[in-house]
Amino acid sequence: ENDGHVAGYAVVLFRKGSGVARLYSIAVGPFFGRLGIGRQLLAAAEEAAYEHDRMMLRLEVREDNQRAIRIYEQAGYRRIGREPDYYEDGATALRYEKTLRGDVPTATGVPFYQQTCEFTCGPCCLMMAMGNFDRGFVPDPVMEIRLWREATTVFMMSGPGGCEPFGLAVAGYESGLAAEIFVSFHGALFLQSVRSEDKRRVMELAQVDFRRRAELYGIPVNYRPFGIDDIRTALAGGKLVLVLISGFLMFGKKVPHWVLAIGDDGDHILIHDPWVEDERQETILDAANIPVPYGIFMNMAQFGRDGLRAAITLGKR
């Protein structure tokens, strides 16, 4: 508002249970252009979304509105899609989104490492923890693949296998860290989506080996779903926590994905996500030290029809 006149407005939509807010509409009055009001409204919309415990703000903009596109891109929004015939006149819309950080900085004492392969999220989180507890350790792609070979289930839905909690805990222990496992399921993991009996057999045998070695090393195992207090207690004790999540909120795919919980500010769990999606113009700003509201964190920290929860606390040994 300016001298009793409406200078502009922004409308943000919040869907219950979602970690994403949508900038439905934003406009500046005809007599208030080029005063920076649009940028102020955008910042206010982001602040409102963050205060409503949303991780991301998404919007659509006309493809021919170059001035608005420039403002969004300068504010850190990245393009995630294109929708032909979106508007009533048949114009195309571009979809953008931004990770909301509030006042949380990107820089942190825990080193960040971006995964170089689609299937190495777990090993990359493990390397970040190794770098945190051993400042002489320098992560690199060779160690990334080595740790993956040591912790992989061999197969997954398609392509190379990911990593499961016992394998990652064993690899962490063998790398000099103390580890403790939380897992809500007793049997072999990630088998539901693998149809080949031969592949399922190999995956089961690999996991039997991981569990035997975890028992041999005396790694504690809690066969129950972890709660937010388990994560907060571990972080308060100086540990880091490798957490299994569904990748749907982070990058739109219902696949198992590992992130590293590195901090707790009283309202959010702070995470390093090793997956930086270059095709969506993501940068480390979108992946390092991300503040995730407790409720959203617990919603995304489960995978599959059975709601599998798995985490590994890591610390000095």
Protein backbone atom coordinates (compact mmCIF):
# COMPACT_ATOMS: atom_id res chain seq x y z
CA GLU A 1 0.00 0.00 0.00
CA ASN A 2 1.23 3.50 -0.84
CA ASP A 3 -0.55 6.65 0.39
CA GLY A 4 -3.78 4.75 0.77
CA HIS A 5 -3.57 3.18 -2.66
CA VAL A 6 -2.99 -0.50 -3.33
CA ALA A 7 0.41 -0.68 -5.01
CA GLY A 8 0.31 -4.42 -5.59
CA TYR A 9 -0.59 -7.79 -4.17
CA ALA A 10 0.56 -11.39 -4.04
CA VAL A 11 -1.60 -14.47 -3.43
CA VAL A 12 0.05 -17.62 -2.10
CA LEU A 13 -1.81 -20.94 -1.94
CA PHE A 14 -1.11 -23.54 0.75
CA ARG A 15 -2.28 -27.11 0.32
CA LYS A 16 -2.71 -29.02 3.56
CA GLY A 17 -0.06 -31.71 4.03
CA SER A 18 2.14 -30.40 1.23
CA GLY A 19 5.67 -29.08 1.60
CA VAL A 20 5.19 -26.82 -1.43
CA ALA A 21 3.43 -23.44 -1.66
CA ARG A 22 2.24 -21.91 -4.92
CA LEU A 23 2.44 -18.26 -5.91
CA TYR A 24 -1.00 -18.09 -7.50
CA SER A 25 -0.96 -14.44 -8.50
CA ILE A 26 1.27 -11.39 -8.17
CA ALA A 27 0.63 -7.94 -9.65
CA VAL A 28 1.81 -4.34 -9.33
CA GLY A 29 -0.50 -1.38 -9.96
CA PRO A 30 -0.02 0.59 -13.20
CA PHE A 31 1.29 3.67 -11.38
CA PHE A 32 3.80 1.81 -9.22
CA GLY A 33 6.01 0.14 -11.78
CA ARG A 34 9.81 0.13 -11.58
CA LEU A 35 9.83 0.93 -7.86
CA GLY A 36 10.95 -2.53 -6.78
CA ILE A 37 7.49 -3.38 -5.45
CA GLY A 38 7.33 -6.63 -7.41
CA ARG A 39 10.55 -7.84 -5.80
CA GLN A 40 9.27 -6.82 -2.35
CA LEU A 41 6.04 -8.73 -2.92
CA LEU A 42 7.97 -11.78 -4.08
CA ALA A 43 10.18 -11.66 -0.98
CA ALA A 44 7.09 -11.31 1.23
CA ALA A 45 5.47 -14.30 -0.49
CA GLU A 46 8.60 -16.38 0.13
CA GLU A 47 8.69 -15.34 3.78
CA ALA A 48 5.02 -16.24 4.23
CA ALA A 49 5.56 -19.65 2.63
CA TYR A 50 8.59 -20.32 4.83
CA GLU A 51 6.68 -19.30 7.97
CA HIS A 52 3.93 -21.74 6.94
CA ASP A 53 6.51 -24.54 7.00
CA ARG A 54 6.87 -24.91 3.24
CA MET A 55 10.15 -26.02 1.69
CA MET A 56 9.53 -24.69 -1.81
CA LEU A 57 7.60 -21.96 -3.60
CA ARG A 58 6.43 -22.68 -7.15
CA LEU A 59 4.90 -20.41 -9.76
CA GLU A 60 3.87 -20.12 -13.40
CA VAL A 61 4.73 -17.19 -15.66
CA ARG A 62 3.90 -16.39 -19.27
CA GLU A 63 6.70 -17.37 -21.61
CA ASP A 64 6.51 -13.94 -23.27
CA ASN A 65 6.80 -12.01 -19.97
CA GLN A 66 10.55 -11.55 -20.11
CA ARG A 67 10.67 -8.88 -17.40
CA ALA A 68 8.94 -11.11 -14.84
CA ILE A 69 11.08 -14.09 -15.86
CA ARG A 70 14.21 -12.01 -15.31
CA ILE A 71 13.02 -10.98 -11.82
CA TYR A 72 12.29 -14.59 -10.86
CA GLU A 73 15.60 -15.90 -12.14
CA GLN A 74 17.53 -13.12 -10.41
CA ALA A 75 15.72 -14.08 -7.19
CA GLY A 76 17.00 -17.64 -7.47
CA TYR A 77 14.08 -19.43 -9.12
CA ARG A 78 14.91 -22.27 -11.46
CA ARG A 79 12.86 -23.42 -14.41
CA ILE A 80 11.29 -26.85 -13.95
CA GLY A 81 8.83 -27.14 -16.82
CA ARG A 82 6.90 -25.69 -19.75
CA GLU A 83 3.12 -25.89 -20.17
CA PRO A 84 1.72 -25.07 -23.66
CA ASP A 85 -1.77 -23.54 -23.95
CA TYR A 86 -1.84 -22.78 -20.22
CA TYR A 87 -3.53 -19.38 -20.31
CA GLU A 88 -6.96 -18.49 -21.71
CA ASP A 89 -5.45 -16.87 -24.79
CA GLY A 90 -3.43 -20.02 -25.53
CA ALA A 91 -0.12 -18.62 -24.27
CA THR A 92 2.52 -20.97 -22.89
CA ALA A 93 3.49 -20.94 -19.20
CA LEU A 94 6.92 -21.62 -17.76
CA ARG A 95 7.04 -23.29 -14.35
CA TYR A 96 9.60 -22.17 -11.77
CA GLU A 97 10.43 -23.14 -8.20
CA LYS A 98 12.74 -22.02 -5.41
CA THR A 99 13.99 -23.78 -2.28
CA LEU A 100 13.11 -21.64 0.74
CA ARG A 101 15.90 -21.11 3.24
CA GLY A 102 14.74 -18.26 5.47
CA ASP A 103 17.88 -16.92 7.14
CA VAL A 104 19.65 -20.30 7.09
CA PRO A 105 23.03 -19.93 5.31
CA THR A 106 24.37 -22.40 2.78
CA ALA A 107 27.76 -22.59 4.48
CA THR A 108 28.08 -25.09 7.31
CA GLY A 109 30.82 -26.88 9.21
CA VAL A 110 29.78 -30.19 7.63
CA PRO A 111 31.38 -30.51 4.17
CA PHE A 112 29.06 -30.89 1.18
CA TYR A 113 29.71 -33.35 -1.64
CA GLN A 114 27.60 -33.65 -4.80
CA GLN A 115 27.01 -37.18 -6.05
CA THR A 116 28.39 -37.92 -9.51
CA CYS A 117 26.24 -41.02 -10.20
CA GLU A 118 22.49 -41.50 -9.90
CA PHE A 119 22.87 -44.41 -7.47
CA THR A 120 25.51 -43.13 -5.01
CA CYS A 121 23.48 -40.88 -2.69
CA GLY A 122 24.18 -43.09 0.34
CA PRO A 123 27.96 -43.27 -0.13
CA CYS A 124 28.10 -39.51 -0.73
CA CYS A 125 26.26 -38.84 2.53
CA LEU A 126 28.66 -41.23 4.22
CA MET A 127 31.64 -39.35 2.78
CA MET A 128 30.25 -36.05 4.07
CA ALA A 129 30.08 -37.58 7.55
CA MET A 130 33.60 -38.96 7.18
CA GLY A 131 34.84 -35.50 6.19
CA ASN A 132 33.10 -33.97 9.20
CA PHE A 133 34.70 -36.29 11.74
CA ASP A 134 38.08 -36.52 9.98
CA ARG A 135 39.16 -33.17 8.55
CA GLY A 136 41.99 -34.86 6.70
CA PHE A 137 39.56 -36.91 4.61
CA VAL A 138 38.90 -35.55 1.12
CA PRO A 139 35.93 -37.12 -0.73
CA ASP A 140 36.33 -37.91 -4.41
CA PRO A 141 34.57 -39.98 -7.10
CA VAL A 142 36.92 -42.94 -6.57
CA MET A 143 35.92 -43.23 -2.90
CA GLU A 144 32.29 -42.59 -3.91
CA ILE A 145 32.30 -45.73 -6.07
CA ARG A 146 34.34 -47.73 -3.58
CA LEU A 147 31.86 -47.10 -0.78
CA TRP A 148 28.98 -47.85 -3.13
CA ARG A 149 30.54 -51.22 -4.00
CA GLU A 150 30.87 -51.95 -0.28
CA ALA A 151 27.25 -51.09 0.56
CA THR A 152 25.15 -51.75 -2.56
CA THR A 153 22.23 -54.15 -2.81
CA VAL A 154 23.63 -54.95 -6.31
CA PHE A 155 20.24 -54.53 -8.03
CA MET A 156 17.31 -52.15 -7.74
CA MET A 157 14.18 -51.45 -9.83
CA SER A 158 16.41 -50.95 -12.86
CA GLY A 159 20.11 -50.37 -13.32
CA PRO A 160 22.70 -50.54 -10.54
CA GLY A 161 21.53 -51.08 -6.99
CA GLY A 162 21.27 -48.45 -4.31
CA CYS A 163 22.43 -48.87 -0.72
CA GLU A 164 20.58 -50.15 2.32
CA PRO A 165 21.08 -49.22 5.99
CA PHE A 166 23.10 -52.23 7.14
CA GLY A 167 25.53 -51.94 4.23
CA LEU A 168 26.04 -48.22 4.85
CA ALA A 169 26.49 -48.76 8.59
CA VAL A 170 29.08 -51.48 7.96
CA ALA A 171 30.92 -49.28 5.44
CA GLY A 172 30.86 -46.42 7.93
CA TYR A 173 32.18 -48.63 10.72
CA GLU A 174 34.95 -49.98 8.50
CA SER A 175 35.84 -46.35 7.67
CA GLY A 176 36.36 -45.56 11.35
CA LEU A 177 32.95 -44.24 12.42
CA ALA A 178 30.60 -45.35 15.17
CA ALA A 179 27.23 -46.37 13.74
CA GLU A 180 23.76 -47.21 15.02
CA ILE A 181 20.88 -48.41 12.85
CA PHE A 182 17.16 -47.67 13.00
CA VAL A 183 15.00 -49.74 10.66
CA SER A 184 11.26 -50.42 10.81
CA PHE A 185 11.32 -53.69 8.86
CA HIS A 186 12.99 -56.99 9.78
CA GLY A 187 13.34 -58.62 6.38
CA ALA A 188 15.36 -57.83 3.26
CA LEU A 189 14.67 -54.34 1.90
CA PHE A 190 13.68 -52.90 -1.49
CA LEU A 191 12.52 -56.24 -2.92
CA GLN A 192 8.91 -55.26 -3.75
CA SER A 193 9.72 -53.53 -7.03
CA VAL A 194 12.19 -56.16 -8.30
CA ARG A 195 10.37 -58.82 -10.33
CA SER A 196 13.26 -61.08 -11.28
CA GLU A 197 13.65 -63.94 -8.81
CA ASP A 198 17.37 -64.19 -9.64
CA LYS A 199 17.91 -60.51 -8.82
CA ARG A 200 15.86 -60.79 -5.65
CA ARG A 201 17.98 -63.74 -4.52
CA VAL A 202 21.21 -61.78 -5.07
CA MET A 203 19.79 -58.79 -3.17
CA GLU A 204 18.76 -60.99 -0.26
CA LEU A 205 22.18 -62.67 -0.07
CA ALA A 206 23.96 -59.30 -0.10
CA GLN A 207 21.79 -58.10 2.78
CA VAL A 208 22.36 -61.28 4.79
CA ASP A 209 26.08 -60.54 4.56
CA PHE A 210 25.61 -56.92 5.70
CA ARG A 211 23.57 -58.01 8.71
CA ARG A 212 26.07 -60.67 9.73
CA ARG A 213 28.92 -58.16 9.58
CA ALA A 214 26.90 -55.56 11.49
CA GLU A 215 26.35 -58.15 14.23
CA LEU A 216 30.05 -59.09 14.16
CA TYR A 217 31.06 -55.45 14.63
CA GLY A 218 28.55 -54.97 17.43
CA ILE A 219 26.65 -52.22 15.59
CA PRO A 220 23.45 -51.51 17.58
CA VAL A 221 20.21 -52.12 15.66
CA ASN A 222 16.82 -50.69 16.63
CA TYR A 223 14.04 -52.56 14.84
CA ARG A 224 11.48 -49.78 15.06
CA PRO A 225 10.54 -46.62 13.18
CA PHE A 226 12.67 -43.71 14.32
CA GLY A 227 10.93 -40.58 15.58
CA ILE A 228 11.88 -36.94 15.29
CA ASP A 229 13.22 -37.07 18.85
CA ASP A 230 15.68 -39.83 17.84
CA ILE A 231 17.08 -37.57 15.12
CA ARG A 232 17.21 -34.50 17.36
CA THR A 233 18.87 -36.41 20.20
CA ALA A 234 21.56 -37.77 17.89
CA LEU A 235 22.27 -34.32 16.44
CA ALA A 236 22.37 -32.76 19.91
CA GLY A 237 24.97 -35.38 20.83
CA GLY A 238 27.28 -34.28 18.03
CA LYS A 239 26.33 -37.05 15.62
CA LEU A 240 25.13 -36.89 12.03
CA VAL A 241 22.26 -39.00 10.71
CA LEU A 242 21.95 -40.71 7.34
CA VAL A 243 18.20 -40.80 6.59
CA LEU A 244 16.27 -42.71 3.94
CA ILE A 245 13.60 -40.59 2.24
CA SER A 246 11.30 -40.79 -0.75
CA GLY A 247 12.69 -38.63 -3.52
CA PHE A 248 9.23 -37.42 -4.55
CA LEU A 249 9.27 -34.05 -2.78
CA MET A 250 12.93 -33.35 -3.49
CA PHE A 251 12.98 -34.18 -7.20
CA GLY A 252 9.62 -35.59 -8.18
CA LYS A 253 10.47 -39.29 -8.33
CA LYS A 254 9.20 -42.01 -5.99
CA VAL A 255 12.60 -43.62 -5.48
CA PRO A 256 14.59 -44.35 -2.30
CA HIS A 257 17.09 -41.60 -1.60
CA TRP A 258 19.57 -40.91 1.20
CA VAL A 259 20.18 -37.49 2.74
CA LEU A 260 22.37 -36.43 5.66
CA ALA A 261 20.80 -34.70 8.67
CA ILE A 262 23.40 -32.25 9.96
CA GLY A 263 21.61 -29.86 12.30
CA ASP A 264 18.48 -28.83 14.20
CA ASP A 265 17.34 -25.23 14.75
CA GLY A 266 14.34 -26.00 16.95
CA ASP A 267 11.84 -26.00 14.08
CA HIS A 268 13.69 -27.64 11.20
CA ILE A 269 16.06 -30.52 10.55
CA LEU A 270 18.90 -29.21 8.41
CA ILE A 271 19.99 -31.60 5.68
CA HIS A 272 22.62 -31.99 2.99
CA ASP A 273 21.09 -33.56 -0.13
CA PRO A 274 23.87 -34.91 -2.40
CA TRP A 275 21.61 -34.85 -5.49
CA VAL A 276 21.99 -31.57 -7.41
CA GLU A 277 19.83 -31.74 -10.52
CA ASP A 278 21.68 -29.86 -13.24
CA GLU A 279 18.81 -30.29 -15.71
CA ARG A 280 16.61 -28.23 -13.38
CA GLN A 281 19.31 -25.59 -12.96
CA GLU A 282 19.87 -26.54 -9.34
CA THR A 283 23.01 -25.45 -7.51
CA ILE A 284 24.49 -26.19 -4.10
CA LEU A 285 22.15 -23.43 -2.81
CA ASP A 286 19.30 -25.87 -3.43
CA ALA A 287 20.99 -28.86 -1.81
CA ALA A 288 23.25 -27.82 1.09
CA ASN A 289 22.01 -27.14 4.63
CA ILE A 290 18.34 -27.22 3.61
CA PRO A 291 15.94 -26.40 6.48
CA VAL A 292 13.14 -28.99 6.48
CA PRO A 293 10.23 -28.45 8.92
CA TYR A 294 9.86 -31.34 11.36
CA GLY A 295 6.48 -32.44 9.99
CA ILE A 296 7.62 -32.47 6.37
CA PHE A 297 10.83 -34.23 7.36
CA MET A 298 8.94 -37.08 8.98
CA ASN A 299 6.49 -37.30 6.07
CA MET A 300 9.23 -37.66 3.49
CA ALA A 301 11.44 -39.89 5.69
CA GLN A 302 9.62 -43.06 4.67
CA PHE A 303 9.56 -45.13 1.53
CA GLY A 304 7.30 -47.60 -0.22
CA ARG A 305 3.86 -49.01 0.45
CA ASP A 306 4.97 -50.27 3.86
CA GLY A 307 6.29 -46.86 4.93
CA LEU A 308 9.82 -48.13 5.53
CA ARG A 309 11.82 -45.90 7.86
CA ALA A 310 15.58 -46.29 8.05
CA ALA A 311 18.38 -44.18 9.47
CA ILE A 312 21.98 -44.56 10.60
CA THR A 313 23.50 -42.34 13.26
CA LEU A 314 27.20 -41.69 12.69
CA GLY A 315 29.81 -40.34 15.07
CA LYS A 316 33.38 -40.65 16.23
CA ARG A 317 34.54 -44.06 17.41
